[in-house]
Protein backbone atom coordinates (compact mmCIF):
# COMPACT_ATOMS: atom_id res chain seq x y z
CA UNK A 1 -107.67 117.50 -125.01
CA UNK A 2 -106.86 116.20 -121.52
CA UNK A 3 -109.55 118.44 -120.09
CA UNK A 4 -112.22 116.87 -122.31
CA UNK A 5 -114.33 114.20 -120.62
CA UNK A 6 -116.16 111.37 -122.38
CA UNK A 7 -119.42 110.15 -120.92
CA UNK A 8 -122.61 108.43 -121.97
CA UNK A 9 -125.01 110.64 -123.90
CA UNK A 10 -128.27 111.33 -122.06
CA UNK A 11 -131.51 112.97 -123.08
CA UNK A 12 -130.27 116.12 -121.30
CA UNK A 13 -127.55 116.37 -123.97
CA UNK A 14 -130.01 116.36 -126.87
CA UNK A 15 -130.42 120.15 -127.23
CA UNK A 16 -126.64 120.56 -127.57
CA UNK A 17 -126.27 117.55 -129.85
CA UNK A 18 -129.17 118.69 -132.06
CA UNK A 19 -127.61 122.14 -132.39
CA UNK A 20 -124.34 120.58 -133.50
CA UNK A 21 -126.14 118.12 -135.79
CA UNK A 22 -127.81 120.98 -137.65
CA UNK A 23 -124.62 123.01 -137.79
CA UNK A 24 -122.53 120.09 -139.06
CA UNK A 25 -124.95 118.15 -141.24
CA UNK A 26 -127.64 120.60 -142.34
CA UNK A 27 -130.40 118.78 -144.21
CA UNK A 28 -129.00 115.39 -143.15
CA UNK A 29 -129.17 116.23 -139.44
CA UNK A 30 -130.89 113.70 -137.24
CA UNK A 31 -134.12 114.78 -135.58
CA UNK A 32 -134.74 114.77 -131.85
CA UNK A 33 -137.11 111.83 -132.31
CA UNK A 34 -134.42 109.82 -134.13
CA UNK A 35 -131.84 110.53 -131.44
CA UNK A 36 -134.23 109.64 -128.62
CA UNK A 37 -134.97 106.30 -130.28
CA UNK A 38 -131.25 105.63 -130.66
CA UNK A 39 -130.68 106.35 -126.97
CA UNK A 40 -133.44 103.90 -126.00
CA UNK A 41 -131.74 100.96 -127.75
CA UNK A 42 -128.85 100.37 -125.39
CA UNK A 43 -128.61 96.69 -126.37
CA UNK A 44 -127.14 97.48 -129.80
CA UNK A 45 -126.46 101.24 -129.62
CA UNK A 46 -123.85 103.20 -127.71
CA UNK A 47 -123.71 107.01 -127.74
CA UNK A 48 -121.22 109.27 -126.00
CA UNK A 49 -120.46 112.97 -125.72
CA UNK A 50 -117.18 114.80 -125.27
CA UNK A 51 -117.60 117.70 -122.88
CA UNK A 52 -115.46 120.41 -121.39
CA UNK A 53 -116.78 122.33 -118.37
CA UNK A 54 -120.16 120.63 -118.96
CA UNK A 55 -120.36 121.98 -122.53
CA UNK A 56 -120.83 119.35 -125.24
CA UNK A 57 -118.03 119.71 -127.78
CA UNK A 58 -118.62 116.50 -129.68
CA UNK A 59 -120.61 113.31 -129.83
CA UNK A 60 -120.43 109.88 -131.39
CA UNK A 61 -122.50 106.76 -131.79
CA UNK A 62 -121.97 103.09 -132.50
CA UNK A 63 -124.31 100.27 -133.50
CA UNK A 64 -122.92 96.80 -132.77
CA UNK A 65 -124.35 93.54 -134.10
CA UNK A 66 -122.17 90.63 -133.09
CA UNK A 67 -118.98 90.62 -135.13
CA UNK A 68 -119.92 93.80 -137.03
CA UNK A 69 -120.22 97.37 -135.78
CA UNK A 70 -121.25 100.56 -137.55
CA UNK A 71 -120.07 104.04 -136.69
CA UNK A 72 -123.40 105.86 -136.71
CA UNK A 73 -122.06 109.37 -136.28
CA UNK A 74 -119.15 111.46 -135.10
CA UNK A 75 -119.56 115.20 -134.77
CA UNK A 76 -117.27 117.82 -133.32
CA UNK A 77 -118.16 121.44 -132.69
CA UNK A 78 -116.55 123.46 -135.52
CA UNK A 79 -115.12 125.86 -132.92
CA UNK A 80 -112.91 123.09 -131.49
CA UNK A 81 -112.17 120.99 -134.57
CA UNK A 82 -108.52 120.13 -134.99
CA UNK A 83 -107.94 119.66 -131.26
CA UNK A 84 -108.17 115.86 -131.26
CA UNK A 85 -111.75 115.49 -130.03
CA UNK A 86 -112.82 113.55 -133.15
CA UNK A 87 -109.91 111.14 -132.66
CA UNK A 88 -110.77 110.74 -128.98
CA UNK A 89 -114.39 109.93 -129.88
CA UNK A 90 -113.38 107.53 -132.65
CA UNK A 91 -110.97 105.66 -130.40
CA UNK A 92 -113.71 105.31 -127.77
CA UNK A 93 -116.00 103.81 -130.45
CA UNK A 94 -113.25 101.41 -131.52
CA UNK A 95 -112.68 100.31 -127.93
CA UNK A 96 -116.40 99.79 -127.35
CA UNK A 97 -116.76 97.82 -130.59
CA UNK A 98 -113.93 95.54 -129.47
CA UNK A 99 -115.51 95.19 -126.01
CA UNK A 100 -118.72 94.10 -127.74
CA UNK A 101 -116.87 91.52 -129.84
CA UNK A 102 -116.96 93.25 -133.22
CA UNK A 103 -114.09 92.34 -135.51
CA UNK A 104 -115.22 94.58 -138.38
CA UNK A 105 -116.29 98.22 -138.23
CA UNK A 106 -118.03 100.03 -141.07
CA UNK A 107 -118.69 103.72 -141.61
CA UNK A 108 -119.79 106.10 -144.32
CA UNK A 109 -118.41 109.58 -144.78
CA UNK A 110 -118.83 112.30 -147.37
CA UNK A 111 -116.19 111.88 -150.07
CA UNK A 112 -115.44 115.61 -149.82
CA UNK A 113 -114.72 115.45 -146.07
CA UNK A 114 -110.96 115.06 -146.41
CA UNK A 115 -110.10 115.66 -142.72
CA UNK A 116 -112.52 112.93 -141.60
CA UNK A 117 -111.26 110.49 -144.24
CA UNK A 118 -107.67 111.17 -143.15
CA UNK A 119 -108.65 110.56 -139.50
CA UNK A 120 -110.34 107.25 -140.34
CA UNK A 121 -107.41 106.11 -142.50
CA UNK A 122 -104.99 106.93 -139.67
CA UNK A 123 -107.02 104.58 -137.45
CA UNK A 124 -106.88 101.67 -139.92
CA UNK A 125 -109.99 102.20 -142.06
CA UNK A 126 -109.81 101.62 -145.81
CA UNK A 127 -112.23 102.77 -148.47
CA UNK A 128 -114.00 99.80 -150.07
CA UNK A 129 -116.60 101.58 -152.17
CA UNK A 130 -118.68 104.65 -152.85
CA UNK A 131 -122.41 105.15 -152.41
CA UNK A 132 -123.46 107.50 -155.18
CA UNK A 133 -125.53 110.55 -154.22
CA UNK A 134 -125.98 109.20 -150.68
CA UNK A 135 -126.08 112.60 -148.99
CA UNK A 136 -129.18 114.49 -150.07
CA UNK A 137 -130.22 117.06 -151.16
CA UNK A 138 -126.65 117.91 -152.22
CA UNK A 139 -126.20 114.64 -154.20
CA UNK A 140 -122.82 114.08 -152.54
CA UNK A 141 -121.29 110.61 -152.61
CA UNK A 142 -120.31 108.69 -149.48
CA UNK A 143 -117.11 106.71 -149.10
CA UNK A 144 -117.76 103.34 -147.47
CA UNK A 145 -114.87 102.53 -145.15
CA UNK A 146 -114.08 99.36 -143.23
CA UNK A 147 -111.65 98.47 -140.47
CA UNK A 148 -110.93 94.90 -139.57
């Protein structure tokens, strides 16, 4: 993990991020248009990539609104999952949310994504509710988790 670098996401990263989005999230993947709009809103949005030898291995995004922040996304290339990149990205989001003055961080994650839930719990998140059939078209519920 020490050879992985975090940096701001740019429009040049979008082809790699979109490939990972589709691989990881299928029908729920963000479109290029959605990602471009997110990158344009640097007042409330913050997106980063984790790269190794200039290859994007993961990405993450945060939306911060005063005392509250939302983890928008965290995605790690399936070929490198389990190597700590997701934790590295999450900790960067937590640091940025603190830098922006957020005392509470919210995220939503598929209830069947046990590794992600375990990661979030290890970083102080607790499940406070479930959004029924949030992920479509699979009708999978989302756990709503909060830290702070």
